[in-house]
N, C-alpha and C. Protein backbone atom coordinates (compact mmCIF):
# COMPACT_ATOMS: atom_id res chain seq x y z
N MET A 1 84.88 238.27 225.47
CA MET A 1 84.75 239.67 225.15
C MET A 1 86.07 240.43 225.26
N ALA A 2 87.06 239.84 225.92
CA ALA A 2 88.34 240.52 226.09
C ALA A 2 89.07 240.71 224.77
N ASP A 3 88.73 239.91 223.75
CA ASP A 3 89.40 240.01 222.46
C ASP A 3 88.71 240.97 221.50
N GLN A 4 87.67 241.67 221.95
CA GLN A 4 86.94 242.59 221.09
C GLN A 4 87.79 243.83 220.81
N PRO A 5 87.82 244.30 219.53
CA PRO A 5 88.56 245.52 219.21
C PRO A 5 87.96 246.73 219.93
N LEU A 6 88.83 247.62 220.38
CA LEU A 6 88.38 248.80 221.13
C LEU A 6 88.43 250.08 220.32
N THR A 7 89.21 250.10 219.23
CA THR A 7 89.33 251.31 218.42
C THR A 7 89.05 250.96 216.96
N TRP A 8 88.81 251.99 216.11
CA TRP A 8 88.59 251.74 214.68
C TRP A 8 89.79 251.07 214.04
N PRO A 9 91.03 251.50 214.32
CA PRO A 9 92.18 250.78 213.72
C PRO A 9 92.24 249.32 214.16
N ASP A 10 91.95 249.05 215.43
CA ASP A 10 91.94 247.66 215.91
C ASP A 10 90.86 246.84 215.19
N LEU A 11 89.70 247.46 214.95
CA LEU A 11 88.63 246.78 214.24
C LEU A 11 89.05 246.47 212.80
N ALA A 12 89.68 247.44 212.14
CA ALA A 12 90.14 247.23 210.76
C ALA A 12 91.17 246.10 210.70
N ILE A 13 92.09 246.07 211.63
CA ILE A 13 93.10 245.01 211.67
C ILE A 13 92.45 243.66 211.91
N ALA A 14 91.52 243.60 212.84
CA ALA A 14 90.83 242.34 213.13
C ALA A 14 90.05 241.85 211.92
N LEU A 15 89.38 242.76 211.21
CA LEU A 15 88.63 242.39 210.02
C LEU A 15 89.57 241.88 208.93
N TYR A 16 90.66 242.59 208.71
CA TYR A 16 91.63 242.17 207.68
C TYR A 16 92.20 240.80 208.03
N ASP A 17 92.57 240.59 209.29
CA ASP A 17 93.11 239.30 209.72
C ASP A 17 92.10 238.18 209.48
N LYS A 18 90.82 238.46 209.73
CA LYS A 18 89.78 237.45 209.56
C LYS A 18 89.58 237.10 208.08
N LEU A 19 89.69 238.10 207.20
CA LEU A 19 89.43 237.89 205.78
C LEU A 19 90.64 237.41 204.99
N THR A 20 91.83 237.62 205.50
CA THR A 20 93.04 237.24 204.78
C THR A 20 93.00 235.75 204.46
N GLY A 21 93.31 235.44 203.20
CA GLY A 21 93.34 234.05 202.78
C GLY A 21 91.99 233.49 202.39
N ARG A 22 90.97 234.32 202.30
CA ARG A 22 89.64 233.84 201.97
C ARG A 22 89.11 234.47 200.69
N GLY A 23 90.02 235.03 199.88
CA GLY A 23 89.59 235.66 198.63
C GLY A 23 88.86 236.97 198.86
N ALA A 24 89.07 237.58 199.99
CA ALA A 24 88.35 238.81 200.34
C ALA A 24 88.95 240.02 199.64
N GLU A 25 88.16 241.03 199.49
CA GLU A 25 88.62 242.31 198.97
C GLU A 25 88.09 243.40 199.88
N ILE A 26 88.97 244.28 200.32
CA ILE A 26 88.58 245.42 201.15
C ILE A 26 88.81 246.67 200.32
N THR A 27 87.81 247.52 200.18
CA THR A 27 87.91 248.72 199.36
C THR A 27 87.74 249.94 200.24
N TYR A 28 88.67 250.88 200.09
CA TYR A 28 88.58 252.17 200.79
C TYR A 28 88.41 253.24 199.73
N GLU A 29 87.44 254.12 199.90
CA GLU A 29 87.24 255.23 198.98
C GLU A 29 87.45 256.54 199.73
N PHE A 30 88.24 257.43 199.11
CA PHE A 30 88.59 258.70 199.73
C PHE A 30 88.09 259.84 198.87
N ASP A 31 87.55 260.85 199.51
CA ASP A 31 87.11 262.06 198.83
C ASP A 31 87.67 263.25 199.60
N ASN A 32 88.74 263.82 199.08
CA ASN A 32 89.41 264.97 199.69
C ASN A 32 89.92 264.69 201.10
N LEU A 33 90.44 263.50 201.32
CA LEU A 33 91.05 263.17 202.61
C LEU A 33 92.41 263.83 202.67
N GLU A 34 92.65 264.58 203.72
CA GLU A 34 93.95 265.23 203.92
C GLU A 34 94.65 264.61 205.11
N VAL A 35 95.89 264.21 204.91
CA VAL A 35 96.71 263.61 205.95
C VAL A 35 97.95 264.46 206.10
N PHE A 36 98.26 264.86 207.31
CA PHE A 36 99.45 265.66 207.57
C PHE A 36 100.52 264.75 208.17
N VAL A 37 101.61 264.58 207.42
CA VAL A 37 102.66 263.63 207.77
C VAL A 37 103.87 264.40 208.29
N PRO A 38 104.33 264.12 209.51
CA PRO A 38 105.50 264.83 210.05
C PRO A 38 106.78 264.41 209.33
N SER A 39 107.67 265.39 209.14
CA SER A 39 108.94 265.13 208.47
C SER A 39 109.95 264.46 209.40
N HIS A 40 109.78 264.64 210.70
CA HIS A 40 110.67 264.01 211.69
C HIS A 40 109.94 264.02 213.05
N HIS A 41 110.55 263.34 214.01
CA HIS A 41 109.91 263.17 215.31
C HIS A 41 110.56 264.08 216.35
N ASP A 42 110.06 265.29 216.48
CA ASP A 42 110.45 266.17 217.57
C ASP A 42 109.26 267.06 217.89
N GLU A 43 109.47 268.09 218.68
CA GLU A 43 108.34 268.91 219.13
C GLU A 43 107.66 269.70 218.03
N ASN A 44 108.41 270.18 217.04
CA ASN A 44 107.84 271.04 216.00
C ASN A 44 108.25 270.57 214.60
N PRO A 45 107.81 269.40 214.18
CA PRO A 45 108.20 268.93 212.85
C PRO A 45 107.47 269.69 211.75
N THR A 46 108.09 269.77 210.59
CA THR A 46 107.43 270.29 209.41
C THR A 46 106.44 269.22 208.95
N LEU A 47 105.26 269.66 208.53
CA LEU A 47 104.25 268.71 208.11
C LEU A 47 104.05 268.78 206.60
N ALA A 48 104.04 267.61 205.97
CA ALA A 48 103.71 267.52 204.55
C ALA A 48 102.24 267.14 204.45
N LYS A 49 101.49 267.84 203.59
CA LYS A 49 100.07 267.54 203.42
C LYS A 49 99.90 266.60 202.23
N TRP A 50 99.34 265.43 202.49
CA TRP A 50 99.01 264.48 201.44
C TRP A 50 97.50 264.54 201.25
N LYS A 51 97.05 264.68 200.02
CA LYS A 51 95.62 264.72 199.72
C LYS A 51 95.28 263.49 198.89
N LEU A 52 94.28 262.74 199.34
CA LEU A 52 93.92 261.50 198.68
C LEU A 52 92.51 261.59 198.12
N ASN A 53 92.37 261.26 196.86
CA ASN A 53 91.08 261.15 196.18
C ASN A 53 91.11 259.85 195.41
N GLY A 54 90.08 259.07 195.51
CA GLY A 54 90.01 257.85 194.73
C GLY A 54 89.80 256.63 195.61
N THR A 55 90.23 255.49 195.08
CA THR A 55 89.95 254.21 195.71
C THR A 55 91.24 253.44 195.92
N VAL A 56 91.36 252.83 197.08
CA VAL A 56 92.44 251.90 197.38
C VAL A 56 91.79 250.54 197.62
N LYS A 57 92.25 249.52 196.89
CA LYS A 57 91.70 248.18 197.08
C LYS A 57 92.79 247.26 197.62
N ILE A 58 92.42 246.49 198.61
CA ILE A 58 93.32 245.48 199.18
C ILE A 58 92.68 244.14 198.89
N ARG A 59 93.36 243.31 198.13
CA ARG A 59 92.82 241.99 197.79
C ARG A 59 93.65 240.92 198.47
N THR A 60 93.01 239.88 198.91
CA THR A 60 93.72 238.75 199.49
C THR A 60 93.26 237.48 198.79
N ARG A 61 94.11 236.49 198.79
CA ARG A 61 93.73 235.20 198.23
C ARG A 61 94.50 234.10 198.94
N ASP A 62 93.95 232.95 198.94
CA ASP A 62 94.57 231.80 199.55
C ASP A 62 95.45 231.12 198.51
N ARG A 63 96.75 231.12 198.71
CA ARG A 63 97.67 230.53 197.74
C ARG A 63 97.43 229.05 197.50
N ALA A 64 96.95 228.37 198.53
CA ALA A 64 96.72 226.92 198.41
C ALA A 64 95.63 226.62 197.38
N THR A 65 94.67 227.52 197.20
CA THR A 65 93.57 227.25 196.29
C THR A 65 93.66 228.06 195.00
N SER A 66 94.64 228.99 194.91
CA SER A 66 94.73 229.82 193.73
C SER A 66 95.68 229.27 192.68
N GLY A 67 96.37 228.18 192.98
CA GLY A 67 97.29 227.59 192.01
C GLY A 67 98.66 228.21 192.02
N ALA A 68 98.94 229.11 192.96
CA ALA A 68 100.26 229.77 193.03
C ALA A 68 101.22 228.94 193.83
């Protein structure tokens, strides 16, 4: 049980690691997701707002079986 993911990002990483090389596809769909990205690392950075709508697909494949 010590290897169980504790956060959503840890779970996503663990899932991706498990599926990599198995022909898996992970799809993320966004509807008005807003991400505020700091311009630099100090106490009061300017924030750029990124707005995401649509789908991001991450595909993996095993090179040994794909002929590459």
